[in-house]
N, C-alpha and C. Protein backbone atom coordinates (compact mmCIF):
# COMPACT_ATOMS: atom_id res chain seq x y z
N UNK A 1 6.58 -11.78 -1.63
CA UNK A 1 7.08 -12.54 -0.50
C UNK A 1 8.24 -13.49 -0.74
N UNK A 2 8.89 -13.94 0.14
CA UNK A 2 9.98 -14.67 -0.10
C UNK A 2 9.73 -16.15 -0.53
N UNK A 3 8.59 -16.62 -0.25
CA UNK A 3 8.15 -17.94 -0.82
C UNK A 3 6.69 -17.95 -1.00
N UNK A 4 6.34 -18.93 -1.92
CA UNK A 4 4.94 -19.05 -2.23
C UNK A 4 4.03 -19.47 -1.05
N UNK A 5 4.78 -20.13 -0.08
CA UNK A 5 4.01 -20.47 1.33
C UNK A 5 3.62 -19.38 2.17
N UNK A 6 4.39 -18.32 2.08
CA UNK A 6 4.01 -17.05 2.83
C UNK A 6 2.58 -16.53 2.40
N UNK A 7 2.44 -16.49 1.07
CA UNK A 7 1.13 -16.06 0.63
C UNK A 7 0.05 -16.81 1.06
N UNK A 8 0.22 -18.24 0.91
CA UNK A 8 -0.83 -19.26 1.26
C UNK A 8 -0.98 -19.13 2.82
N UNK A 9 0.02 -18.89 3.59
CA UNK A 9 -0.29 -19.01 5.17
C UNK A 9 -1.04 -17.61 5.55
N UNK A 10 -0.69 -16.60 4.76
CA UNK A 10 -1.32 -15.32 5.10
C UNK A 10 -2.80 -15.50 4.85
N UNK A 11 -3.10 -15.91 3.74
CA UNK A 11 -4.57 -16.15 3.44
C UNK A 11 -5.11 -17.09 4.29
N UNK A 12 -4.59 -18.21 4.64
CA UNK A 12 -5.07 -19.14 5.62
C UNK A 12 -5.28 -18.42 7.01
N UNK A 13 -4.43 -17.84 7.53
CA UNK A 13 -4.43 -17.25 8.79
C UNK A 13 -5.68 -16.12 8.79
N UNK A 14 -5.64 -15.40 7.78
CA UNK A 14 -6.90 -14.37 7.62
C UNK A 14 -8.23 -15.11 7.56
N UNK A 15 -8.27 -16.19 6.93
CA UNK A 15 -9.55 -16.86 6.60
C UNK A 15 -9.94 -17.86 7.88
N UNK A 16 -9.05 -18.36 8.63
CA UNK A 16 -9.40 -19.40 9.58
C UNK A 16 -8.96 -19.08 10.97
N UNK A 17 -7.64 -18.79 11.08
CA UNK A 17 -7.07 -18.73 12.52
C UNK A 17 -7.59 -17.52 13.19
N UNK A 18 -7.85 -16.49 12.54
CA UNK A 18 -8.37 -15.23 13.13
C UNK A 18 -9.66 -15.43 13.86
N UNK A 19 -10.42 -16.22 13.25
CA UNK A 19 -11.78 -16.56 13.76
C UNK A 19 -11.72 -17.48 14.92
N UNK A 20 -10.81 -18.35 14.93
CA UNK A 20 -10.70 -19.47 15.87
C UNK A 20 -9.94 -19.13 17.19
N UNK A 21 -9.04 -18.31 17.10
CA UNK A 21 -8.14 -18.14 18.30
C UNK A 21 -8.07 -16.59 18.57
N UNK A 22 -8.18 -16.30 19.99
CA UNK A 22 -8.05 -14.81 20.37
C UNK A 22 -6.70 -14.18 19.90
N UNK A 23 -6.78 -13.12 19.79
CA UNK A 23 -5.51 -12.36 19.18
C UNK A 23 -4.21 -12.63 20.27
N UNK A 24 -4.41 -12.63 21.55
CA UNK A 24 -3.52 -12.82 22.44
C UNK A 24 -2.78 -14.12 22.31
N UNK A 25 -3.45 -15.16 21.81
CA UNK A 25 -2.98 -16.55 21.77
C UNK A 25 -2.27 -16.81 20.48
N UNK A 26 -2.39 -15.77 19.48
CA UNK A 26 -1.81 -16.07 18.13
C UNK A 26 -0.68 -15.15 17.73
N UNK A 27 0.41 -15.71 17.82
CA UNK A 27 1.80 -14.83 17.50
C UNK A 27 1.83 -14.68 16.13
N UNK A 28 1.12 -15.21 15.12
CA UNK A 28 1.38 -14.96 13.75
C UNK A 28 1.23 -13.68 13.12
N UNK A 29 0.22 -12.89 13.65
CA UNK A 29 -0.07 -11.52 13.09
C UNK A 29 1.12 -10.48 13.14
N UNK A 30 1.83 -10.63 14.41
CA UNK A 30 3.10 -9.79 14.47
C UNK A 30 4.13 -10.16 13.46
N UNK A 31 4.39 -11.54 13.34
CA UNK A 31 5.27 -11.84 12.35
C UNK A 31 4.89 -11.63 10.90
N UNK A 32 3.70 -11.61 10.67
CA UNK A 32 3.27 -11.11 9.29
C UNK A 32 3.39 -9.78 8.95
N UNK A 33 3.18 -8.94 10.10
CA UNK A 33 3.27 -7.58 9.93
C UNK A 33 4.77 -7.11 9.75
N UNK A 34 5.66 -7.74 10.69
CA UNK A 34 6.97 -7.42 10.43
C UNK A 34 7.60 -7.69 9.09
N UNK A 35 7.13 -8.87 8.60
CA UNK A 35 7.59 -9.53 7.42
C UNK A 35 7.17 -8.65 6.34
N UNK A 36 5.74 -8.16 6.34
CA UNK A 36 5.27 -7.30 5.26
C UNK A 36 5.92 -6.03 5.26
N UNK A 37 6.16 -5.45 6.55
CA UNK A 37 6.80 -4.07 6.51
C UNK A 37 8.12 -4.17 5.83
N UNK A 38 8.98 -5.27 6.26
CA UNK A 38 10.33 -5.34 5.50
C UNK A 38 10.18 -5.54 4.03
N UNK A 39 9.25 -6.28 3.62
CA UNK A 39 9.01 -6.51 2.01
C UNK A 39 8.55 -5.19 1.61
N UNK A 40 7.80 -4.34 1.99
CA UNK A 40 7.27 -3.12 1.54
C UNK A 40 8.45 -2.08 1.49
N UNK A 41 9.17 -2.03 2.54
CA UNK A 41 10.38 -1.07 2.50
C UNK A 41 11.44 -1.49 1.47
N UNK A 42 11.68 -2.99 1.26
CA UNK A 42 12.59 -3.27 0.10
C UNK A 42 11.97 -2.97 -1.08
N UNK A 43 10.78 -3.01 -1.37
CA UNK A 43 10.06 -2.72 -2.68
C UNK A 43 10.23 -1.36 -3.05
N UNK A 44 9.92 -0.42 -1.90
CA UNK A 44 10.09 1.01 -1.90
C UNK A 44 11.46 1.44 -2.46
N UNK A 45 12.39 0.90 -1.69
CA UNK A 45 13.89 1.06 -2.05
C UNK A 45 14.12 0.53 -3.50
N UNK A 46 13.63 -0.48 -3.94
CA UNK A 46 14.07 -0.89 -5.38
C UNK A 46 13.31 0.10 -6.31
N UNK A 47 12.20 0.62 -6.05
CA UNK A 47 11.66 1.77 -7.02
C UNK A 47 12.44 2.81 -6.95
N UNK A 48 12.96 3.41 -5.85
CA UNK A 48 13.91 4.48 -5.84
C UNK A 48 15.23 4.19 -6.63
N UNK A 49 15.73 2.92 -6.23
CA UNK A 49 16.96 2.61 -6.80
C UNK A 49 16.84 2.61 -8.50
N UNK A 50 15.77 2.33 -9.02
CA UNK A 50 15.40 2.24 -10.33
C UNK A 50 15.26 3.73 -11.04
N UNK A 51 15.19 4.77 -10.16
CA UNK A 51 15.18 6.15 -10.49
C UNK A 51 13.86 6.68 -10.60
N UNK A 52 12.85 5.89 -10.12
CA UNK A 52 11.38 6.34 -10.33
C UNK A 52 11.17 7.63 -9.43
N UNK A 53 10.25 8.49 -9.79
CA UNK A 53 9.87 9.70 -8.93
C UNK A 53 8.89 9.18 -7.98
N UNK A 54 9.47 9.00 -6.78
CA UNK A 54 8.52 8.43 -5.73
C UNK A 54 8.16 9.58 -4.87
N UNK A 55 6.88 9.87 -4.43
CA UNK A 55 6.47 10.74 -3.47
C UNK A 55 5.86 9.97 -2.31
N UNK A 56 6.47 10.38 -1.18
CA UNK A 56 6.09 9.84 0.15
C UNK A 56 5.17 10.52 0.99
N UNK A 57 4.17 9.70 1.46
CA UNK A 57 3.11 10.34 2.33
C UNK A 57 3.27 9.84 3.73
N UNK A 58 3.04 10.51 4.71
CA UNK A 58 3.17 10.11 6.05
C UNK A 58 1.85 10.53 6.84
N UNK A 59 1.52 9.57 7.78
CA UNK A 59 0.34 9.85 8.50
C UNK A 59 -0.92 9.57 7.87
N UNK A 60 -2.11 9.79 8.51
CA UNK A 60 -3.46 9.53 8.09
C UNK A 60 -4.48 10.60 8.36
N UNK A 61 -5.06 11.23 7.44
CA UNK A 61 -6.06 12.11 7.75
C UNK A 61 -6.24 13.04 6.65
N UNK A 62 -6.94 14.15 6.87
CA UNK A 62 -7.30 15.18 5.96
C UNK A 62 -6.00 15.67 5.20
N UNK A 63 -5.15 16.04 5.96
CA UNK A 63 -3.75 16.61 5.43
C UNK A 63 -3.09 15.51 4.63
N UNK A 64 -3.11 14.29 4.91
CA UNK A 64 -2.65 13.25 4.08
C UNK A 64 -3.35 12.94 2.72
N UNK A 65 -4.66 13.14 2.91
CA UNK A 65 -5.43 13.09 1.70
C UNK A 65 -5.03 14.19 0.75
N UNK A 66 -4.98 15.42 1.28
CA UNK A 66 -4.70 16.65 0.37
C UNK A 66 -3.41 16.37 -0.33
N UNK A 67 -2.49 15.79 0.59
CA UNK A 67 -1.12 15.59 0.00
C UNK A 67 -1.11 14.63 -1.13
N UNK A 68 -1.85 13.56 -0.94
CA UNK A 68 -2.19 12.60 -1.83
C UNK A 68 -2.83 13.14 -3.15
N UNK A 69 -3.77 13.94 -3.07
CA UNK A 69 -4.49 14.51 -4.26
C UNK A 69 -3.41 15.57 -5.13
N UNK A 70 -2.66 16.27 -4.29
CA UNK A 70 -1.73 17.28 -4.87
C UNK A 70 -0.62 16.40 -5.68
N UNK A 71 -0.03 15.09 -5.01
CA UNK A 71 0.90 14.41 -5.70
C UNK A 71 0.27 13.97 -6.85
N UNK A 72 -0.94 13.36 -7.02
CA UNK A 72 -1.61 12.99 -8.13
C UNK A 72 -1.65 13.97 -9.19
N UNK A 73 -2.13 15.24 -8.84
CA UNK A 73 -2.14 16.25 -9.76
C UNK A 73 -0.87 16.83 -10.40
N UNK A 74 0.16 16.54 -9.63
CA UNK A 74 1.58 16.83 -10.16
C UNK A 74 2.13 15.85 -11.00
N UNK A 75 1.46 14.63 -10.85
CA UNK A 75 1.86 13.45 -11.89
C UNK A 75 3.14 12.70 -11.45
N UNK A 76 3.37 12.61 -10.14
CA UNK A 76 4.53 11.81 -9.69
C UNK A 76 4.23 10.32 -10.10
N UNK A 77 5.32 9.66 -10.44
CA UNK A 77 5.35 8.26 -11.01
C UNK A 77 4.75 7.34 -9.91
N UNK A 78 5.25 7.47 -8.79
CA UNK A 78 4.73 6.51 -7.74
C UNK A 78 4.41 7.26 -6.47
N UNK A 79 3.40 7.03 -5.83
CA UNK A 79 2.92 7.63 -4.49
C UNK A 79 2.87 6.70 -3.60
N UNK A 80 3.69 6.86 -2.43
CA UNK A 80 3.74 5.74 -1.49
C UNK A 80 3.05 6.22 -0.22
N UNK A 81 2.21 5.18 0.30
CA UNK A 81 1.26 5.51 1.43
C UNK A 81 0.19 6.40 1.13
N UNK A 82 -0.30 6.43 -0.07
CA UNK A 82 -1.33 7.43 -0.45
C UNK A 82 -2.66 7.10 0.46
N UNK A 83 -3.27 8.34 0.75
CA UNK A 83 -4.53 8.19 1.45
C UNK A 83 -5.74 8.68 0.52
N UNK A 84 -6.61 7.90 0.45
CA UNK A 84 -7.70 8.11 -0.53
C UNK A 84 -9.03 7.91 0.21
N UNK A 85 -10.04 8.83 -0.20
CA UNK A 85 -11.40 8.78 0.48
C UNK A 85 -12.54 9.08 -0.58
N UNK A 86 -13.56 8.59 -0.34
CA UNK A 86 -14.74 8.72 -1.09
C UNK A 86 -16.12 8.69 -0.14
N UNK A 87 -16.76 9.72 0.02
CA UNK A 87 -17.89 9.68 0.97
C UNK A 87 -17.39 9.15 2.33
N UNK A 88 -18.08 8.05 2.76
CA UNK A 88 -17.67 7.62 4.09
C UNK A 88 -16.54 6.55 4.16
N UNK A 89 -15.96 6.37 2.82
CA UNK A 89 -14.98 5.28 2.80
C UNK A 89 -13.56 6.02 2.66
N UNK A 90 -12.60 5.38 3.39
CA UNK A 90 -11.15 5.96 3.37
C UNK A 90 -10.19 4.77 3.62
N UNK A 91 -9.08 5.03 3.02
CA UNK A 91 -8.13 3.94 3.12
C UNK A 91 -6.88 4.51 2.73
N UNK A 92 -5.83 3.51 2.90
CA UNK A 92 -4.29 3.83 2.72
C UNK A 92 -4.00 2.87 1.73
N UNK A 93 -3.25 3.20 0.60
CA UNK A 93 -2.81 2.22 -0.40
C UNK A 93 -1.13 2.27 -0.29
N UNK A 94 -0.58 1.04 -0.31
CA UNK A 94 0.77 1.01 -0.21
C UNK A 94 1.38 1.88 -1.35
N UNK A 95 0.93 1.55 -2.46
CA UNK A 95 1.44 2.37 -3.52
C UNK A 95 0.59 2.86 -4.50
N UNK A 96 0.64 3.93 -5.32
CA UNK A 96 -0.10 4.20 -6.54
C UNK A 96 0.85 4.44 -7.50
N UNK A 97 0.54 3.78 -8.61
CA UNK A 97 1.39 3.95 -9.80
C UNK A 97 0.57 4.61 -10.98
N UNK A 98 1.42 5.59 -11.61
CA UNK A 98 1.07 6.35 -12.64
C UNK A 98 0.78 5.57 -13.79
N UNK A 99 -0.28 5.42 -14.58
CA UNK A 99 -0.64 4.65 -15.61
C UNK A 99 -1.15 5.58 -16.81
N UNK A 100 -0.80 5.25 -18.04
CA UNK A 100 -1.25 5.95 -19.14
C UNK A 100 -2.60 5.77 -19.39
N UNK A 101 -3.50 6.76 -19.67
CA UNK A 101 -4.96 6.73 -19.91
C UNK A 101 -5.60 7.98 -19.46
N UNK A 102 -6.58 8.48 -20.07
CA UNK A 102 -7.22 9.61 -19.87
C UNK A 102 -8.09 9.51 -18.52
N UNK A 103 -7.99 10.63 -17.75
CA UNK A 103 -8.73 10.70 -16.52
C UNK A 103 -8.98 12.28 -16.20
N UNK A 104 -9.61 12.55 -15.11
CA UNK A 104 -9.73 14.09 -14.68
C UNK A 104 -8.30 14.68 -14.52
N UNK A 105 -7.35 13.84 -14.25
CA UNK A 105 -6.02 14.30 -14.02
C UNK A 105 -5.20 14.78 -15.38
N UNK A 106 -5.69 14.22 -16.42
CA UNK A 106 -4.98 14.55 -17.68
C UNK A 106 -4.91 13.21 -18.50
N UNK A 107 -3.69 12.95 -19.12
CA UNK A 107 -3.69 11.82 -20.01
C UNK A 107 -3.04 10.61 -19.10
N UNK A 108 -3.30 10.57 -17.83
CA UNK A 108 -2.83 9.47 -16.96
C UNK A 108 -3.82 9.25 -15.86
N UNK A 109 -3.66 8.34 -15.09
CA UNK A 109 -4.54 7.89 -13.89
C UNK A 109 -3.67 7.09 -13.02
N UNK A 110 -4.16 6.65 -11.88
CA UNK A 110 -3.22 5.83 -11.04
C UNK A 110 -3.95 4.59 -10.71
N UNK A 111 -3.09 3.54 -10.56
CA UNK A 111 -3.36 2.22 -10.15
C UNK A 111 -2.91 1.91 -8.67
N UNK A 112 -3.81 1.48 -7.82
CA UNK A 112 -3.39 0.97 -6.53
C UNK A 112 -2.64 -0.47 -6.40
N UNK A 113 -1.43 -0.42 -5.84
CA UNK A 113 -0.75 -1.62 -5.57
C UNK A 113 -0.60 -1.98 -4.23
N UNK A 114 -0.55 -3.00 -3.75
CA UNK A 114 -0.44 -3.64 -2.45
C UNK A 114 0.67 -4.49 -2.32
N UNK A 115 1.54 -4.38 -1.49
CA UNK A 115 2.81 -5.37 -1.51
C UNK A 115 2.61 -6.60 -0.72
N UNK A 116 1.47 -6.79 -0.22
CA UNK A 116 1.34 -8.04 0.37
C UNK A 116 1.48 -9.31 -0.41
């Protein structure tokens, strides 16, 4: 984030204001979402500018889950907007980074990163 205050306010908003005010009275979430999206895109571009092998996933659902799995099996250095699921749980990760270490994939595994 652009300042330490951003992180503090994000945590404060999630912890307190969301419970106290109806969403229609609270303009902060749109600001945080817009700010977060800009930050995420800038981080993505910085990874590309460094020459990393970035694979991008769009959408959400079974097809995106399959693309994520295939990207992991191919060993891409970074997977953007990965869709992961296990049993009844599913979610989207901002980034998956390839890390050295044994797994079912081979001599590497992935670590989820969030740009918040």
